[in-house]
Amino acid sequence: MRRALLDGLGTALGHTRLALFLLGVNALLASVLAVPLAMTLEKDLKDTASAGGMMRGFDYPWWSHWAGEQRGWPSSFAPDIFGKGFAFKNLEALLGGELPARLFVHDTEGTPRAHPPRSIAFDPVILALGLAYMVVQTFLAGGILGALRGSGAGLTTRGFLHGSAFYFGRMARIALLALLADAALFALNAPIARFVDRRALEAATETAALAWSFGHKGLLLLGILFVHMLSGYAKVVTVLEERRSAALAFLSSAGFCLGRWRRTFGHYLAVAALGVALLAVWSVLDTRWNATGYRTLIVTLVLAQGLVYGRIVLRLALLAGQVSLYRRASGA
């Protein structure tokens, strides 16, 4: 596990051009909504007393009034997307089945809940952009694995895009199988969630109620991560062994991971822990750094992109570590 982690980090750090390219793709997709939102905010803040306050921080009273007048996706602009808040919001939406594209939302109407969750319903435009981002990720997966499979010295844009297009059909089928596995997981989770809600409601103490609730959410998160890990190894198997059948690649992935679950899942959780550490560093920087003008806002933007770049490097390190672990274990 340790060697896979180190190999993955070393390989990812050696593919700077690939990471920067993916950062550019991420920024381009984000700008589809970020640019129109910035133009809307600039127009609505122009010649207002709150303009200076928003430059130096966050004017909550202005935002509250502004958000109440918005319709559609701009109304999603809120304080909880700043700092580390985006991570908690996305995690809550993921566990609630809102992501991706509300595919796994189960109706629990009429079920008593000890701690009703806050609504995380996203606007359809935002969900559509997220779905488009998933398609782009699936398209690029083959090219990324092709690059991580080699030394990286001969990586070219043409070769990368060719690998992405060549494996796209197989990657798409693996992604669909992963979505089906997630659907089964959430379908199984629905009755469990109702049972946990009843036990939490009947708990004698708040501590016991929270233990039921957080324990259930923790198990659901582990299940989602396990499906994602299986999907990752299925992609690795497909590229390393030139498999054509996505179903057989998924079965091979399941057999490989279950047969070596300590190393495979341990490696996955180690990379996830690095992601949490990166988020903690960003949280500290965001708390201590105050943006008070254009220059400091530029620095803030650079720091935010540094966070995204670090997450991209960790995603590459995860895949590269899985390639290394699979190669050493199977001799592929």
Protein backbone atom coordinates (compact mmCIF):
# COMPACT_ATOMS: atom_id res chain seq x y z
CA MET A 1 0.00 0.00 0.00
CA ARG A 2 2.78 2.41 0.93
CA ARG A 3 4.63 1.73 -2.29
CA ALA A 4 1.48 2.24 -4.37
CA LEU A 5 0.89 5.56 -2.60
CA LEU A 6 4.46 6.76 -3.19
CA ASP A 7 4.51 5.51 -6.78
CA GLY A 8 1.21 7.23 -7.46
CA LEU A 9 2.33 10.56 -5.99
CA GLY A 10 5.65 10.40 -7.84
CA THR A 11 3.97 9.64 -11.15
CA ALA A 12 1.34 12.36 -10.69
CA LEU A 13 3.93 14.99 -9.78
CA GLY A 14 5.92 13.98 -12.86
CA HIS A 15 2.95 14.74 -15.14
CA THR A 16 2.81 18.49 -14.60
CA ARG A 17 1.62 19.20 -18.14
CA LEU A 18 -1.24 16.75 -17.78
CA ALA A 19 -2.30 18.24 -14.43
CA LEU A 20 -2.19 21.79 -15.83
CA PHE A 21 -4.22 20.70 -18.84
CA LEU A 22 -6.88 19.20 -16.56
CA LEU A 23 -6.83 22.39 -14.46
CA GLY A 24 -7.54 24.36 -17.63
CA VAL A 25 -10.42 22.05 -18.56
CA ASN A 26 -11.84 22.45 -15.05
CA ALA A 27 -11.57 26.25 -15.20
CA LEU A 28 -13.16 26.34 -18.67
CA LEU A 29 -16.18 24.30 -17.54
CA ALA A 30 -16.54 26.33 -14.34
CA SER A 31 -16.48 29.59 -16.34
CA VAL A 32 -19.70 28.54 -18.10
CA LEU A 33 -21.57 29.64 -14.95
CA ALA A 34 -18.91 31.65 -13.12
CA VAL A 35 -18.59 34.34 -15.82
CA PRO A 36 -22.34 35.03 -16.15
CA LEU A 37 -22.64 35.07 -12.35
CA ALA A 38 -19.78 37.56 -12.05
CA MET A 39 -21.40 39.81 -14.64
CA THR A 40 -24.74 39.64 -12.79
CA LEU A 41 -23.13 40.48 -9.46
CA GLU A 42 -21.17 43.36 -10.99
CA LYS A 43 -24.33 44.81 -12.52
CA ASP A 44 -26.39 44.46 -9.34
CA LEU A 45 -23.66 45.82 -7.06
CA LYS A 46 -22.82 48.80 -9.25
CA ASP A 47 -23.33 52.14 -7.49
CA THR A 48 -24.53 50.50 -4.27
CA ALA A 49 -23.28 51.06 -0.74
CA SER A 50 -22.64 47.30 -0.42
CA ALA A 51 -20.07 47.22 -3.23
CA GLY A 52 -17.23 48.14 -0.90
CA GLY A 53 -18.38 45.67 1.72
CA MET A 54 -18.46 42.83 -0.79
CA MET A 55 -14.96 43.79 -1.90
CA ARG A 56 -13.64 43.51 1.66
CA GLY A 57 -15.66 40.49 2.73
CA PHE A 58 -19.24 39.27 2.49
CA ASP A 59 -22.21 41.57 2.96
CA TYR A 60 -24.80 39.14 4.29
CA PRO A 61 -27.78 41.57 4.40
CA TRP A 62 -27.20 42.56 0.74
CA TRP A 63 -26.87 38.92 -0.31
CA SER A 64 -30.02 37.94 1.60
CA HIS A 65 -32.06 40.61 -0.20
CA TRP A 66 -30.42 39.87 -3.57
CA ALA A 67 -30.89 36.08 -3.30
CA GLY A 68 -34.59 36.53 -2.52
CA GLU A 69 -35.08 38.27 -5.86
CA GLN A 70 -33.16 35.73 -7.97
CA ARG A 71 -34.71 32.97 -10.02
CA GLY A 72 -32.94 29.90 -11.35
CA TRP A 73 -29.31 28.94 -10.84
CA PRO A 74 -28.00 32.40 -9.67
CA SER A 75 -30.00 31.91 -6.46
CA SER A 76 -27.55 29.12 -5.56
CA PHE A 77 -24.86 31.74 -4.86
CA ALA A 78 -24.57 31.61 -1.08
CA PRO A 79 -22.01 31.89 1.76
CA ASP A 80 -21.75 28.09 2.09
CA ILE A 81 -19.79 27.84 -1.18
CA PHE A 82 -16.87 29.80 0.29
CA GLY A 83 -13.97 28.44 2.30
CA LYS A 84 -14.35 24.78 3.16
CA GLY A 85 -18.13 25.02 3.00
CA PHE A 86 -18.31 23.70 -0.56
CA ALA A 87 -16.88 20.34 0.57
CA PHE A 88 -19.49 19.84 3.29
CA LYS A 89 -22.31 20.97 0.99
CA ASN A 90 -21.24 18.58 -1.77
CA LEU A 91 -20.77 15.72 0.69
CA GLU A 92 -24.24 16.25 2.14
CA ALA A 93 -25.73 16.37 -1.37
CA LEU A 94 -23.84 13.20 -2.34
CA LEU A 95 -25.11 11.26 0.66
CA GLY A 96 -28.62 12.55 0.01
CA GLY A 97 -28.58 11.21 -3.55
CA GLU A 98 -28.70 14.67 -5.12
CA LEU A 99 -25.44 14.06 -6.94
CA PRO A 100 -25.16 13.23 -9.72
CA ALA A 101 -28.23 14.79 -11.36
CA ARG A 102 -30.63 13.70 -8.55
CA LEU A 103 -30.38 10.10 -9.78
CA PHE A 104 -30.48 8.48 -6.35
CA VAL A 105 -32.98 10.58 -4.41
CA HIS A 106 -35.47 8.33 -2.59
CA ASP A 107 -38.76 9.67 -1.32
CA THR A 108 -38.98 9.34 2.47
CA GLU A 109 -42.11 11.45 2.87
CA GLY A 110 -44.09 10.55 5.92
CA THR A 111 -41.10 9.04 7.69
CA PRO A 112 -40.37 10.72 11.04
CA ARG A 113 -36.84 12.07 11.24
CA ALA A 114 -34.99 12.90 14.43
CA HIS A 115 -32.78 15.44 12.65
CA PRO A 116 -34.36 16.59 9.36
CA PRO A 117 -31.64 17.42 6.83
CA ARG A 118 -31.46 20.84 5.24
CA SER A 119 -32.58 20.84 1.61
CA ILE A 120 -29.63 20.62 -0.79
CA ALA A 121 -31.67 20.61 -3.99
CA PHE A 122 -29.56 22.08 -6.81
CA ASP A 123 -30.90 24.03 -9.75
CA PRO A 124 -31.29 21.90 -12.92
CA VAL A 125 -28.78 24.11 -14.77
CA ILE A 126 -26.10 23.36 -12.17
CA LEU A 127 -26.93 19.66 -12.25
CA ALA A 128 -26.74 19.68 -16.06
CA LEU A 129 -23.29 21.29 -15.95
CA GLY A 130 -22.20 18.68 -13.42
CA LEU A 131 -23.46 15.93 -15.69
CA ALA A 132 -21.54 17.45 -18.62
CA TYR A 133 -18.44 17.53 -16.40
CA MET A 134 -18.89 13.81 -15.70
CA VAL A 135 -19.08 13.09 -19.44
CA VAL A 136 -15.88 15.09 -20.03
CA GLN A 137 -14.15 13.21 -17.20
CA THR A 138 -15.24 9.91 -18.70
CA PHE A 139 -13.95 10.95 -22.12
CA LEU A 140 -10.56 12.01 -20.72
CA ALA A 141 -10.15 8.92 -18.51
CA GLY A 142 -8.71 6.75 -21.29
CA GLY A 143 -6.14 9.37 -22.25
CA ILE A 144 -5.18 9.92 -18.61
CA LEU A 145 -4.66 6.21 -17.96
CA GLY A 146 -2.74 5.89 -21.23
CA ALA A 147 -0.42 8.65 -20.04
CA LEU A 148 -0.03 7.16 -16.55
CA ARG A 149 0.63 3.74 -18.06
CA GLY A 150 3.74 5.03 -19.85
CA SER A 151 6.71 7.02 -18.67
CA GLY A 152 5.12 10.35 -19.58
CA ALA A 153 8.16 11.50 -21.55
CA GLY A 154 6.48 11.07 -24.93
CA LEU A 155 3.08 12.49 -23.99
CA THR A 156 1.60 14.59 -26.79
CA THR A 157 -1.73 16.33 -27.15
CA ARG A 158 -2.56 14.26 -30.20
CA GLY A 159 -1.71 10.98 -28.48
CA PHE A 160 -3.64 11.98 -25.37
CA LEU A 161 -6.80 12.89 -27.30
CA HIS A 162 -6.48 9.74 -29.42
CA GLY A 163 -6.32 7.59 -26.30
CA SER A 164 -9.31 9.43 -24.84
CA ALA A 165 -11.41 8.84 -27.96
CA PHE A 166 -10.21 5.23 -28.37
CA TYR A 167 -11.25 4.18 -24.85
CA PHE A 168 -14.29 6.45 -24.50
CA GLY A 169 -16.87 3.77 -25.27
CA ARG A 170 -15.39 1.35 -22.73
CA MET A 171 -15.00 4.07 -20.09
CA ALA A 172 -18.61 5.14 -20.63
CA ARG A 173 -19.86 1.57 -20.14
CA ILE A 174 -17.81 1.24 -16.93
CA ALA A 175 -19.26 4.56 -15.71
CA LEU A 176 -22.79 3.28 -16.39
CA LEU A 177 -22.07 0.08 -14.46
CA ALA A 178 -20.78 2.17 -11.57
CA LEU A 179 -23.97 4.24 -11.64
CA LEU A 180 -26.03 1.04 -11.56
CA ALA A 181 -24.02 -0.15 -8.56
CA ASP A 182 -24.61 3.19 -6.84
CA ALA A 183 -28.32 2.95 -7.65
CA ALA A 184 -28.46 -0.48 -5.99
CA LEU A 185 -26.56 0.89 -3.00
CA PHE A 186 -29.01 3.77 -2.52
CA ALA A 187 -32.00 1.49 -3.07
CA LEU A 188 -30.67 -0.75 -0.30
CA ASN A 189 -29.96 2.30 1.83
CA ALA A 190 -33.57 3.61 1.69
CA PRO A 191 -35.10 1.08 4.12
CA ILE A 192 -31.97 1.21 6.28
CA ALA A 193 -32.30 5.01 6.47
CA ARG A 194 -35.92 4.69 7.63
CA PHE A 195 -34.89 2.17 10.28
CA VAL A 196 -32.03 4.39 11.48
CA ASP A 197 -34.33 7.43 11.61
CA ARG A 198 -36.78 5.55 13.83
CA ARG A 199 -34.02 4.35 16.15
CA ALA A 200 -32.55 7.86 16.32
CA LEU A 201 -35.99 9.28 17.12
CA GLU A 202 -36.47 6.71 19.89
CA ALA A 203 -32.96 7.17 21.31
CA ALA A 204 -32.82 8.12 24.96
CA THR A 205 -30.02 10.67 24.51
CA GLU A 206 -28.92 13.07 21.81
CA THR A 207 -25.53 11.35 21.72
CA ALA A 208 -27.15 8.03 20.85
CA ALA A 209 -29.31 9.68 18.17
CA LEU A 210 -26.26 11.31 16.59
CA ALA A 211 -24.36 8.03 16.74
CA TRP A 212 -27.12 6.30 14.77
CA SER A 213 -27.29 9.09 12.21
CA PHE A 214 -23.54 9.62 11.68
CA GLY A 215 -22.81 5.90 11.79
CA HIS A 216 -25.33 5.30 9.03
CA LYS A 217 -23.96 8.15 6.90
CA GLY A 218 -20.41 6.90 7.43
CA LEU A 219 -21.30 3.42 6.20
CA LEU A 220 -23.08 4.86 3.17
CA LEU A 221 -20.02 6.98 2.35
CA LEU A 222 -17.75 3.93 2.60
CA GLY A 223 -20.06 2.09 0.21
CA ILE A 224 -19.93 4.94 -2.31
CA LEU A 225 -16.14 5.10 -2.06
CA PHE A 226 -15.89 1.34 -2.56
CA VAL A 227 -17.97 1.51 -5.75
CA HIS A 228 -15.77 4.36 -6.99
CA MET A 229 -12.67 2.30 -6.24
CA LEU A 230 -14.08 -0.66 -8.19
CA SER A 231 -14.78 1.67 -11.09
CA GLY A 232 -11.22 2.97 -10.99
CA TYR A 233 -9.67 -0.50 -11.08
CA ALA A 234 -12.06 -1.53 -13.86
CA LYS A 235 -10.68 1.33 -15.94
CA VAL A 236 -7.13 0.32 -15.06
CA VAL A 237 -7.84 -3.29 -16.09
CA THR A 238 -9.40 -2.11 -19.36
CA VAL A 239 -6.38 -0.02 -20.37
CA LEU A 240 -3.58 -2.27 -19.09
CA GLU A 241 -5.04 -5.48 -20.47
CA GLU A 242 -6.90 -3.97 -23.45
CA ARG A 243 -10.21 -5.42 -22.29
CA ARG A 244 -13.24 -4.84 -24.51
CA SER A 245 -15.94 -5.99 -22.11
CA ALA A 246 -16.74 -3.43 -19.42
CA ALA A 247 -18.72 -6.02 -17.43
CA LEU A 248 -15.79 -8.46 -17.32
CA ALA A 249 -13.41 -5.63 -16.43
CA PHE A 250 -15.71 -4.69 -13.55
CA LEU A 251 -15.84 -8.32 -12.37
CA SER A 252 -12.04 -8.56 -12.59
CA SER A 253 -11.80 -5.35 -10.61
CA ALA A 254 -14.13 -6.72 -7.92
CA GLY A 255 -12.14 -9.96 -7.67
CA PHE A 256 -8.85 -8.07 -7.48
CA CYS A 257 -10.05 -5.60 -4.83
CA LEU A 258 -11.82 -8.16 -2.65
CA GLY A 259 -8.83 -10.49 -2.81
CA ARG A 260 -6.50 -7.70 -1.69
CA TRP A 261 -8.95 -5.47 0.14
CA ARG A 262 -6.49 -4.26 2.77
CA ARG A 263 -4.03 -2.94 0.21
CA THR A 264 -6.56 -1.64 -2.32
CA PHE A 265 -8.99 0.02 0.08
CA GLY A 266 -6.16 1.11 2.39
CA HIS A 267 -4.46 2.85 -0.52
CA TYR A 268 -7.75 4.49 -1.53
CA LEU A 269 -8.42 5.74 2.01
CA ALA A 270 -4.83 7.04 2.30
CA VAL A 271 -5.32 9.21 -0.80
CA ALA A 272 -8.69 10.34 0.57
CA ALA A 273 -6.96 11.31 3.83
CA LEU A 274 -4.49 13.41 1.84
CA GLY A 275 -7.47 15.12 0.22
CA VAL A 276 -8.90 15.93 3.67
CA ALA A 277 -5.50 17.28 4.75
CA LEU A 278 -5.38 19.48 1.64
CA LEU A 279 -8.83 20.83 2.48
CA ALA A 280 -7.68 21.54 6.04
CA VAL A 281 -4.70 23.53 4.74
CA TRP A 282 -7.02 25.49 2.45
CA SER A 283 -9.36 26.16 5.38
CA VAL A 284 -6.52 27.60 7.47
CA LEU A 285 -5.31 29.80 4.60
CA ASP A 286 -8.83 30.98 3.83
CA THR A 287 -9.44 31.88 7.48
CA ARG A 288 -6.21 33.84 7.91
CA TRP A 289 -6.13 35.51 4.51
CA ASN A 290 -8.38 38.52 4.04
CA ALA A 291 -9.19 39.75 0.54
CA THR A 292 -9.50 43.55 0.72
CA GLY A 293 -9.00 44.65 -2.88
CA TYR A 294 -8.19 43.62 -6.42
CA ARG A 295 -4.64 42.55 -5.65
CA THR A 296 -5.59 40.37 -2.71
CA LEU A 297 -8.53 38.97 -4.69
CA ILE A 298 -6.08 37.87 -7.39
CA VAL A 299 -4.01 36.12 -4.73
CA THR A 300 -7.18 34.49 -3.40
CA LEU A 301 -8.02 33.27 -6.89
CA VAL A 302 -4.52 31.82 -7.27
CA LEU A 303 -4.83 30.06 -3.89
CA ALA A 304 -8.23 28.64 -4.86
CA GLN A 305 -6.84 27.35 -8.14
CA GLY A 306 -3.96 25.87 -6.16
CA LEU A 307 -6.52 23.91 -4.16
CA VAL A 308 -8.13 22.63 -7.37
CA TYR A 309 -4.70 21.79 -8.80
CA GLY A 310 -3.83 19.85 -5.64
CA ARG A 311 -7.07 17.87 -5.89
CA ILE A 312 -6.32 17.08 -9.54
CA VAL A 313 -2.84 15.85 -8.59
CA LEU A 314 -4.38 13.60 -5.93
CA ARG A 315 -6.86 12.19 -8.46
CA LEU A 316 -3.95 11.43 -10.79
CA ALA A 317 -1.99 9.95 -7.88
CA LEU A 318 -4.93 7.68 -7.05
CA LEU A 319 -5.13 6.32 -10.59
CA ALA A 320 -1.34 6.03 -10.91
CA GLY A 321 -1.17 4.19 -7.59
CA GLN A 322 -3.89 1.80 -8.74
CA VAL A 323 -1.94 1.17 -11.95
CA SER A 324 1.20 0.45 -9.91
CA LEU A 325 -0.60 -1.84 -7.46
CA TYR A 326 -2.37 -3.78 -10.20
CA ARG A 327 0.80 -4.20 -12.22
CA ARG A 328 2.83 -5.52 -9.28
CA ALA A 329 0.06 -7.87 -8.13
CA SER A 330 -0.96 -9.27 -11.52
CA GLY A 331 2.18 -8.81 -13.58
CA ALA A 332 0.26 -6.85 -16.26
